[in-house]
């Protein structure tokens, strides 16, 4: 049995290679960027109005006051989407302009519509009256003030989120290079596993398969259900691995049959192949029997069968392996203040079903929920976070700062 830290080190060294692909930005949600993405142009693309109002040349307002007002003749109107004004403007000319309308020379400042004095009145406007000096560049959005051409938009190794898609589409990026999705083949194991909802008391519903399949959009992999391996399917599983070695499958995941029982055949089958990286049993809870092996450029994870053990091992072994392959670097824990004390074995890393909340003063606090046994799903339903209590410490006191991780996504989306 090895420590969780050592198991993670083995996973990092066992990285498999995948290719990049180019996809449409609109289809890129939760995909991982394979290159830095640079802006193809300045944004805004030209100086434009930040408010509805009138554009004038600020130089024309010099020396204006109530006794010496300026009458600015309206020579046109520019709305967002209109071509810039080409008509040559004279002194004391103005154009009505809408938010987003392009500002062309000699105009260099905007008077918002709410501050306009119309002449002779608003219904029969021929000009506007200005009774004071106006500073240049009021309410002007400058060309390139948000993004310059070739400026970095999104770094390599970023998980694309809706805010990224908004930025990319606004800046005119149609396609991006991303890491290809990993192909995952999943097997449930055991005579007790049933795909039916109506089962006798001696059967177990096949929930682990559905749970991991539901994560495939969040966690950037493609899921294929391999079905249920029965207790006597040792030879069948071996043949499945042999086929995978010649296929496009990147990762095999099994659920169950990895412990030391009479029907736990997964470890024996895997040992029949030439393995480059391997561990079996880690000093964690839940999920102690977890297994990993690398065969050529394929990875195999043997997860325990209990639902919470399977979920925890997927999050803290499989997903971290996937992150490394996709070049998602340095997932940082969310720090939270512990609301209740907890005791554990000193040499064991615990993954705790937890509930995080934010206080009125903005402090993140985490409650370690009762019912931490690996078969209990009630506490998992109530949880919204995994708290990780590392080895090397047995007692965790109320008020202590601990590490937390999102259960269904990488913490990298919080960066």
Protein backbone atom coordinates (compact mmCIF):
# COMPACT_ATOMS: atom_id res chain seq x y z
CA UNK A 1 0.00 0.00 0.00
CA UNK A 2 1.30 3.44 -0.92
CA UNK A 3 0.53 7.01 0.13
CA UNK A 4 -1.77 9.30 -1.82
CA UNK A 5 1.19 11.59 -2.60
CA UNK A 6 3.16 8.70 -4.10
CA UNK A 7 0.14 7.52 -6.10
CA UNK A 8 -0.24 11.01 -7.59
CA UNK A 9 3.45 11.03 -8.52
CA UNK A 10 3.02 7.73 -10.39
CA UNK A 11 0.01 9.12 -12.26
CA UNK A 12 1.97 12.19 -13.29
CA UNK A 13 4.81 10.11 -14.73
CA UNK A 14 2.35 7.82 -16.56
CA UNK A 15 1.04 10.60 -18.83
CA UNK A 16 -0.23 9.37 -22.20
CA UNK A 17 -0.08 11.35 -25.43
CA UNK A 18 -3.09 12.76 -27.27
CA UNK A 19 -3.42 14.97 -30.32
CA UNK A 20 -4.86 18.45 -30.78
CA UNK A 21 -7.82 19.34 -32.96
CA UNK A 22 -9.42 22.50 -34.33
CA UNK A 23 -13.06 23.12 -33.45
CA UNK A 24 -15.63 25.88 -33.73
CA UNK A 25 -15.69 28.26 -30.77
CA UNK A 26 -19.44 27.70 -30.37
CA UNK A 27 -18.71 24.00 -29.68
CA UNK A 28 -15.80 24.58 -27.30
CA UNK A 29 -17.49 24.63 -23.87
CA UNK A 30 -15.37 22.70 -21.31
CA UNK A 31 -12.70 21.90 -23.88
CA UNK A 32 -9.06 22.63 -23.05
CA UNK A 33 -7.06 25.07 -25.13
CA UNK A 34 -4.00 23.56 -26.83
CA UNK A 35 -2.45 26.93 -27.76
CA UNK A 36 -2.42 30.47 -26.45
CA UNK A 37 -5.25 32.35 -28.19
CA UNK A 38 -4.41 35.86 -29.41
CA UNK A 39 -6.74 38.64 -30.49
CA UNK A 40 -6.92 38.87 -34.30
CA UNK A 41 -7.64 42.62 -34.17
CA UNK A 42 -8.03 45.66 -31.96
CA UNK A 43 -11.15 45.81 -29.81
CA UNK A 44 -13.01 48.11 -30.01
CA UNK A 45 -12.15 48.19 -33.70
CA UNK A 46 -12.64 51.98 -33.83
CA UNK A 47 -13.36 54.87 -31.46
CA UNK A 48 -17.07 54.75 -30.60
CA UNK A 49 -19.68 56.27 -28.33
CA UNK A 50 -20.28 54.94 -24.83
CA UNK A 51 -23.62 56.79 -24.55
CA UNK A 52 -26.47 57.98 -26.73
CA UNK A 53 -25.96 61.70 -27.32
CA UNK A 54 -24.25 64.16 -29.63
CA UNK A 55 -20.66 64.13 -30.85
CA UNK A 56 -18.86 67.45 -31.08
CA UNK A 57 -15.34 68.79 -31.42
CA UNK A 58 -14.35 69.85 -27.92
CA UNK A 59 -12.18 72.62 -29.39
CA UNK A 60 -15.40 74.35 -30.54
CA UNK A 61 -16.57 74.74 -26.94
CA UNK A 62 -13.60 76.80 -25.83
CA UNK A 63 -14.75 80.11 -24.25
CA UNK A 64 -18.45 79.08 -24.27
CA UNK A 65 -20.65 80.06 -21.32
CA UNK A 66 -24.25 81.07 -20.55
CA UNK A 67 -23.70 84.57 -21.88
CA UNK A 68 -21.85 83.27 -24.92
CA UNK A 69 -23.55 79.95 -25.87
CA UNK A 70 -22.66 77.90 -28.90
CA UNK A 71 -25.28 76.67 -31.36
CA UNK A 72 -24.18 73.38 -32.92
CA UNK A 73 -25.86 72.46 -36.19
CA UNK A 74 -27.00 68.83 -36.47
CA UNK A 75 -25.61 67.45 -39.75
CA UNK A 76 -26.44 63.78 -39.40
CA UNK A 77 -27.01 60.73 -37.25
CA UNK A 78 -24.82 57.65 -36.63
CA UNK A 79 -26.21 54.49 -35.02
CA UNK A 80 -24.33 51.38 -34.01
CA UNK A 81 -23.69 49.42 -37.20
CA UNK A 82 -23.75 52.47 -39.47
CA UNK A 83 -20.75 53.38 -41.58
CA UNK A 84 -18.71 56.29 -40.15
CA UNK A 85 -19.68 59.81 -41.22
CA UNK A 86 -17.95 60.83 -44.46
CA UNK A 87 -19.46 64.30 -44.74
CA UNK A 88 -16.90 66.99 -43.93
CA UNK A 89 -17.79 68.69 -40.67
CA UNK A 90 -17.40 72.43 -40.08
CA UNK A 91 -16.93 74.39 -36.88
CA UNK A 92 -20.01 74.20 -34.64
CA UNK A 93 -21.30 71.07 -36.42
CA UNK A 94 -22.54 68.07 -34.48
CA UNK A 95 -23.95 64.62 -35.18
CA UNK A 96 -26.46 62.69 -33.17
CA UNK A 97 -24.82 59.41 -32.15
CA UNK A 98 -26.05 56.21 -30.54
CA UNK A 99 -24.15 53.93 -28.18
CA UNK A 100 -21.60 52.02 -30.26
CA UNK A 101 -21.71 54.49 -33.14
CA UNK A 102 -18.33 55.22 -34.75
CA UNK A 103 -16.81 58.61 -33.90
CA UNK A 104 -14.99 60.16 -36.84
CA UNK A 105 -12.83 63.29 -36.94
CA UNK A 106 -13.08 66.11 -36.10
CA UNK A 107 -15.51 64.95 -33.39
CA UNK A 108 -13.75 63.84 -30.21
CA UNK A 109 -16.22 63.97 -27.33
CA UNK A 110 -19.82 62.99 -26.49
CA UNK A 111 -22.51 64.98 -24.68
CA UNK A 112 -25.02 62.44 -23.28
CA UNK A 113 -28.61 62.85 -24.49
CA UNK A 114 -29.79 63.65 -20.94
CA UNK A 115 -27.59 66.78 -20.87
CA UNK A 116 -28.63 68.21 -24.25
CA UNK A 117 -30.32 71.61 -24.66
CA UNK A 118 -32.33 71.46 -27.90
CA UNK A 119 -33.08 74.50 -30.08
CA UNK A 120 -35.76 75.66 -30.65
CA UNK A 121 -37.24 72.55 -28.93
CA UNK A 122 -36.86 68.78 -28.85
CA UNK A 123 -39.59 68.15 -31.46
CA UNK A 124 -38.29 70.65 -34.00
CA UNK A 125 -34.59 70.43 -33.31
CA UNK A 126 -32.28 72.25 -35.67
CA UNK A 127 -29.35 72.58 -33.33
CA UNK A 128 -28.16 71.97 -29.81
CA UNK A 129 -26.99 74.65 -27.41
CA UNK A 130 -23.76 74.27 -25.45
CA UNK A 131 -23.17 76.73 -22.62
CA UNK A 132 -19.82 75.54 -21.24
CA UNK A 133 -16.52 74.09 -22.28
CA UNK A 134 -16.52 70.32 -22.83
CA UNK A 135 -13.45 68.18 -22.24
CA UNK A 136 -12.30 66.02 -25.10
CA UNK A 137 -12.76 62.23 -25.00
CA UNK A 138 -15.80 62.29 -22.68
CA UNK A 139 -17.76 59.02 -23.04
CA UNK A 140 -15.50 57.72 -25.81
CA UNK A 141 -14.50 54.07 -26.10
CA UNK A 142 -11.09 54.08 -27.72
CA UNK A 143 -9.90 51.73 -30.45
CA UNK A 144 -7.94 48.86 -28.89
CA UNK A 145 -8.64 50.00 -25.33
CA UNK A 146 -9.85 46.52 -24.31
CA UNK A 147 -7.72 44.28 -26.55
CA UNK A 148 -4.85 45.15 -28.84
CA UNK A 149 -4.18 43.06 -31.94
CA UNK A 150 -2.12 39.96 -30.96
CA UNK A 151 -2.82 40.47 -27.25
CA UNK A 152 -3.33 37.26 -25.25
CA UNK A 153 -7.01 36.41 -24.76
CA UNK A 154 -6.81 32.91 -23.24
CA UNK A 155 -3.79 30.93 -22.10
CA UNK A 156 -2.91 27.41 -23.20
CA UNK A 157 -4.38 24.81 -20.83
CA UNK A 158 -7.53 26.81 -20.02
CA UNK A 159 -10.89 25.08 -19.63
CA UNK A 160 -13.22 27.03 -21.92
CA UNK A 161 -16.21 28.52 -20.09
CA UNK A 162 -19.15 30.64 -21.36
CA UNK A 163 -17.31 33.91 -20.59
CA UNK A 164 -14.45 32.74 -22.83
CA UNK A 165 -16.88 31.95 -25.67
CA UNK A 166 -18.39 35.44 -25.33
CA UNK A 167 -14.93 37.03 -25.61
CA UNK A 168 -13.79 34.87 -28.52
CA UNK A 169 -16.92 35.46 -30.58
CA UNK A 170 -16.83 39.21 -29.84
CA UNK A 171 -13.23 39.37 -31.03
CA UNK A 172 -13.94 37.44 -34.22
CA UNK A 173 -12.26 34.14 -33.35
CA UNK A 174 -14.20 31.42 -35.17
CA UNK A 175 -12.07 28.33 -34.48
CA UNK A 176 -9.57 27.34 -31.80
CA UNK A 177 -7.09 24.53 -31.20
CA UNK A 178 -8.03 22.27 -28.29
CA UNK A 179 -6.83 18.99 -26.87
CA UNK A 180 -8.77 16.04 -28.24
CA UNK A 181 -11.28 14.47 -25.92
CA UNK A 182 -10.01 11.33 -24.21
CA UNK A 183 -11.97 8.18 -25.03
CA UNK A 184 -13.06 6.36 -21.88
CA UNK A 185 -14.42 2.80 -21.81
CA UNK A 186 -16.26 1.94 -18.60
CA UNK A 187 -17.13 -1.49 -17.16
CA UNK A 188 -19.19 -2.27 -14.11
CA UNK A 189 -18.39 -5.59 -12.46
CA UNK A 190 -20.22 -8.16 -10.34
CA UNK A 191 -23.15 -10.55 -10.53
CA UNK A 192 -25.04 -8.17 -8.22
CA UNK A 193 -25.07 -5.29 -10.71
CA UNK A 194 -28.36 -4.69 -12.51
CA UNK A 195 -29.37 -2.12 -15.13
CA UNK A 196 -32.99 -2.37 -14.02
CA UNK A 197 -34.74 0.02 -11.64
CA UNK A 198 -36.88 -2.74 -10.15
CA UNK A 199 -34.50 -5.11 -8.40
CA UNK A 200 -34.65 -7.69 -5.60
CA UNK A 201 -32.88 -6.93 -2.31
CA UNK A 202 -29.79 -8.95 -3.28
CA UNK A 203 -29.08 -6.87 -6.40
CA UNK A 204 -27.47 -3.43 -6.83
CA UNK A 205 -28.44 -0.78 -9.38
CA UNK A 206 -25.73 0.22 -11.85
CA UNK A 207 -25.34 3.81 -10.61
CA UNK A 208 -21.56 4.24 -10.95
CA UNK A 209 -21.79 3.97 -14.72
CA UNK A 210 -24.47 6.68 -14.89
CA UNK A 211 -22.58 8.97 -12.53
CA UNK A 212 -19.33 8.89 -14.48
CA UNK A 213 -21.14 9.17 -17.81
CA UNK A 214 -22.87 12.31 -16.50
CA UNK A 215 -19.45 13.91 -15.92
CA UNK A 216 -18.24 13.55 -19.49
CA UNK A 217 -19.30 17.06 -20.57
CA UNK A 218 -17.70 18.72 -17.55
CA UNK A 219 -14.52 16.67 -17.60
CA UNK A 220 -13.61 16.67 -21.29
CA UNK A 221 -13.79 13.01 -22.19
CA UNK A 222 -16.01 10.82 -24.36
CA UNK A 223 -17.75 8.02 -22.49
CA UNK A 224 -18.48 4.54 -23.80
CA UNK A 225 -20.32 2.02 -21.66
CA UNK A 226 -18.75 -1.44 -21.93
CA UNK A 227 -21.52 -3.09 -19.93
CA UNK A 228 -21.34 -5.35 -16.90
CA UNK A 229 -18.59 -7.94 -16.36
CA UNK A 230 -19.86 -10.89 -14.34
CA UNK A 231 -17.83 -12.59 -11.62
CA UNK A 232 -16.69 -15.32 -14.04
CA UNK A 233 -15.72 -12.92 -16.86
CA UNK A 234 -11.98 -12.94 -16.19
CA UNK A 235 -11.13 -14.16 -19.70
CA UNK A 236 -13.66 -11.78 -21.26
CA UNK A 237 -12.04 -8.82 -19.51
CA UNK A 238 -8.61 -9.90 -20.74
CA UNK A 239 -9.87 -10.03 -24.30
CA UNK A 240 -11.46 -6.59 -23.86
CA UNK A 241 -8.07 -5.15 -22.85
CA UNK A 242 -6.41 -6.81 -25.84
CA UNK A 243 -8.94 -5.16 -28.15
CA UNK A 244 -8.50 -1.79 -26.46
CA UNK A 245 -4.74 -1.92 -27.09
CA UNK A 246 -5.53 -1.83 -30.82
CA UNK A 247 -8.34 0.74 -30.56
CA UNK A 248 -8.82 4.49 -30.08
CA UNK A 249 -9.76 4.02 -26.43
CA UNK A 250 -7.39 5.91 -24.13
CA UNK A 251 -8.59 4.90 -20.68
CA UNK A 252 -10.38 1.82 -19.30
CA UNK A 253 -12.25 2.32 -16.03
CA UNK A 254 -13.72 -0.52 -14.04
CA UNK A 255 -15.94 -0.31 -10.99
CA UNK A 256 -15.66 -3.12 -8.44
CA UNK A 257 -13.67 -6.38 -8.35
CA UNK A 258 -10.43 -4.68 -7.24
CA UNK A 259 -10.22 -5.71 -3.58
CA UNK A 260 -9.06 -9.06 -2.19
CA UNK A 261 -12.26 -11.09 -2.44
CA UNK A 262 -12.83 -14.39 -4.23
CA UNK A 263 -14.36 -12.68 -7.28
CA UNK A 264 -12.07 -9.64 -7.43
CA UNK A 265 -10.37 -10.59 -10.69
CA UNK A 266 -9.34 -7.17 -12.09
CA UNK A 267 -5.81 -7.04 -10.55
CA UNK A 268 -4.96 -10.59 -11.68
CA UNK A 269 -5.99 -9.90 -15.26
CA UNK A 270 -4.01 -6.66 -15.47
CA UNK A 271 -0.85 -8.32 -14.17
CA UNK A 272 -0.91 -10.63 -17.20
CA UNK A 273 0.07 -7.65 -19.38
CA UNK A 274 3.35 -5.78 -19.62
CA UNK A 275 2.86 -2.82 -17.27
CA UNK A 276 5.02 0.31 -17.16
CA UNK A 277 3.37 2.06 -14.20
CA UNK A 278 1.28 0.43 -11.50
CA UNK A 279 -0.17 0.79 -8.02
CA UNK A 280 -2.75 -1.19 -6.08
CA UNK A 281 -4.22 0.05 -2.80
CA UNK A 282 -3.60 3.57 -1.52
CA UNK A 283 -3.72 4.91 2.02
CA UNK A 284 -6.97 6.82 1.48
CA UNK A 285 -10.56 6.62 2.59
CA UNK A 286 -12.88 6.06 0.86
CA UNK A 287 -11.37 4.12 -2.02
CA UNK A 288 -8.43 2.24 -0.52
CA UNK A 289 -8.43 -0.67 -3.06
CA UNK A 290 -8.05 1.68 -6.08
CA UNK A 291 -5.81 0.38 -8.86
CA UNK A 292 -3.90 1.99 -11.71
CA UNK A 293 -1.87 0.51 -14.56
CA UNK A 294 -0.40 1.80 -17.79
CA UNK A 295 -0.13 -0.64 -20.70
CA UNK A 296 1.60 0.88 -23.73
CA UNK A 297 -0.23 4.20 -24.30
CA UNK A 298 -3.39 3.03 -22.54
CA UNK A 299 -4.36 3.63 -18.91
CA UNK A 300 -6.50 1.39 -16.69
CA UNK A 301 -8.19 2.48 -13.47
CA UNK A 302 -9.82 -0.03 -11.18
CA UNK A 303 -12.22 1.86 -8.92
CA UNK A 304 -13.94 0.31 -5.89
CA UNK A 305 -17.57 -0.65 -6.32
CA UNK A 306 -19.16 1.34 -3.50
CA UNK A 307 -20.71 4.47 -5.04
CA UNK A 308 -18.91 7.06 -2.91
CA UNK A 309 -15.57 5.25 -3.19
CA UNK A 310 -15.98 5.19 -6.94
CA UNK A 311 -16.91 8.91 -7.06
CA UNK A 312 -13.99 9.94 -4.82
CA UNK A 313 -11.45 7.88 -6.75
CA UNK A 314 -12.67 9.24 -10.05
CA UNK A 315 -12.31 12.82 -8.79
CA UNK A 316 -8.90 12.45 -7.14
CA UNK A 317 -7.23 9.88 -9.39
CA UNK A 318 -8.87 9.63 -12.81
CA UNK A 319 -9.63 13.31 -13.21
CA UNK A 320 -6.20 14.42 -12.04
CA UNK A 321 -4.70 12.00 -14.56
CA UNK A 322 -6.91 13.53 -17.28
CA UNK A 323 -5.92 17.05 -16.22
CA UNK A 324 -2.25 16.19 -16.63
CA UNK A 325 -2.80 14.76 -20.11
CA UNK A 326 -4.75 17.86 -21.17
CA UNK A 327 -2.04 20.17 -19.75
CA UNK A 328 -4.38 21.66 -17.16
CA UNK A 329 -1.74 22.76 -14.71
CA UNK A 330 -1.75 23.53 -11.00
CA UNK A 331 -5.30 22.93 -9.86
CA UNK A 332 -5.43 24.84 -6.59
CA UNK A 333 -7.61 23.92 -3.63
CA UNK A 334 -10.33 26.24 -2.43
CA UNK A 335 -9.47 27.24 1.13
CA UNK A 336 -12.26 27.19 3.70
CA UNK A 337 -12.62 27.48 7.47
CA UNK A 338 -13.63 24.24 9.17
CA UNK A 339 -16.98 24.51 11.00
CA UNK A 340 -16.69 21.25 12.95
CA UNK A 341 -13.86 19.13 14.35
CA UNK A 342 -12.88 15.77 12.88
CA UNK A 343 -10.62 12.84 13.80
CA UNK A 344 -9.02 10.28 11.47
CA UNK A 345 -6.08 7.92 11.25
CA UNK A 346 -2.90 9.97 10.98
CA UNK A 347 -1.39 8.10 8.01
CA UNK A 348 -4.57 8.13 5.88
CA UNK A 349 -5.75 10.84 3.46
CA UNK A 350 -9.50 11.36 3.79
CA UNK A 351 -11.89 12.62 1.12
CA UNK A 352 -14.83 14.02 3.05
CA UNK A 353 -18.33 14.76 1.76
CA UNK A 354 -18.78 18.38 2.75
CA UNK A 355 -21.00 21.41 2.50
CA UNK A 356 -19.44 24.78 1.82
CA UNK A 357 -21.17 28.08 2.52
CA UNK A 358 -20.29 31.77 2.42
CA UNK A 359 -20.88 33.90 5.51
CA UNK A 360 -22.32 37.43 5.44
CA UNK A 361 -18.79 38.84 5.62
CA UNK A 362 -17.67 36.72 2.64
CA UNK A 363 -15.77 33.98 4.47
CA UNK A 364 -15.89 30.46 3.04
CA UNK A 365 -16.79 27.89 5.69
CA UNK A 366 -17.02 24.14 5.27
CA UNK A 367 -19.02 21.62 7.28
CA UNK A 368 -17.88 17.99 7.26
CA UNK A 369 -21.14 16.07 6.96
CA UNK A 370 -22.15 13.06 9.05
CA UNK A 371 -22.45 9.74 7.23
CA UNK A 372 -19.01 9.36 5.66
CA UNK A 373 -19.25 5.62 4.99
CA UNK A 374 -18.68 4.76 1.34
CA UNK A 375 -22.16 3.27 0.82
CA UNK A 376 -24.00 6.35 2.13
CA UNK A 377 -25.38 8.53 -0.66
CA UNK A 378 -27.63 10.67 1.57
CA UNK A 379 -24.69 12.82 2.67
CA UNK A 380 -23.38 12.89 -0.92
CA UNK A 381 -26.67 14.39 -2.09
CA UNK A 382 -26.35 17.13 0.54
CA UNK A 383 -22.70 17.83 -0.23
CA UNK A 384 -21.37 20.43 -2.67
CA UNK A 385 -17.65 19.98 -2.07
CA UNK A 386 -14.96 17.41 -1.29
CA UNK A 387 -12.82 18.36 1.69
CA UNK A 388 -9.36 16.76 1.67
CA UNK A 389 -7.77 15.96 5.03
CA UNK A 390 -4.14 15.01 4.33
CA UNK A 391 -2.05 12.32 5.96
CA UNK A 392 0.32 13.39 8.72
CA UNK A 393 -2.41 14.81 10.92
CA UNK A 394 -5.05 13.00 12.97
CA UNK A 395 -7.08 15.81 14.55
CA UNK A 396 -8.65 18.71 12.67
CA UNK A 397 -10.09 21.47 14.83
CA UNK A 398 -12.94 23.89 14.25
CA UNK A 399 -11.56 27.11 12.76
CA UNK A 400 -8.71 25.37 10.92
CA UNK A 401 -8.19 26.17 7.21
CA UNK A 402 -8.59 23.10 4.99
CA UNK A 403 -8.46 22.29 1.27
CA UNK A 404 -11.65 21.81 -0.72
CA UNK A 405 -12.37 20.68 -4.28
CA UNK A 406 -15.40 20.92 -6.53
CA UNK A 407 -16.95 17.46 -6.90
CA UNK A 408 -17.94 17.63 -10.57
CA UNK A 409 -15.43 20.00 -12.12
CA UNK A 410 -11.86 21.22 -11.86
CA UNK A 411 -11.09 24.04 -9.44
CA UNK A 412 -9.33 25.63 -12.43
CA UNK A 413 -12.64 27.12 -13.53
CA UNK A 414 -12.41 29.32 -10.41
CA UNK A 415 -9.07 30.83 -11.46
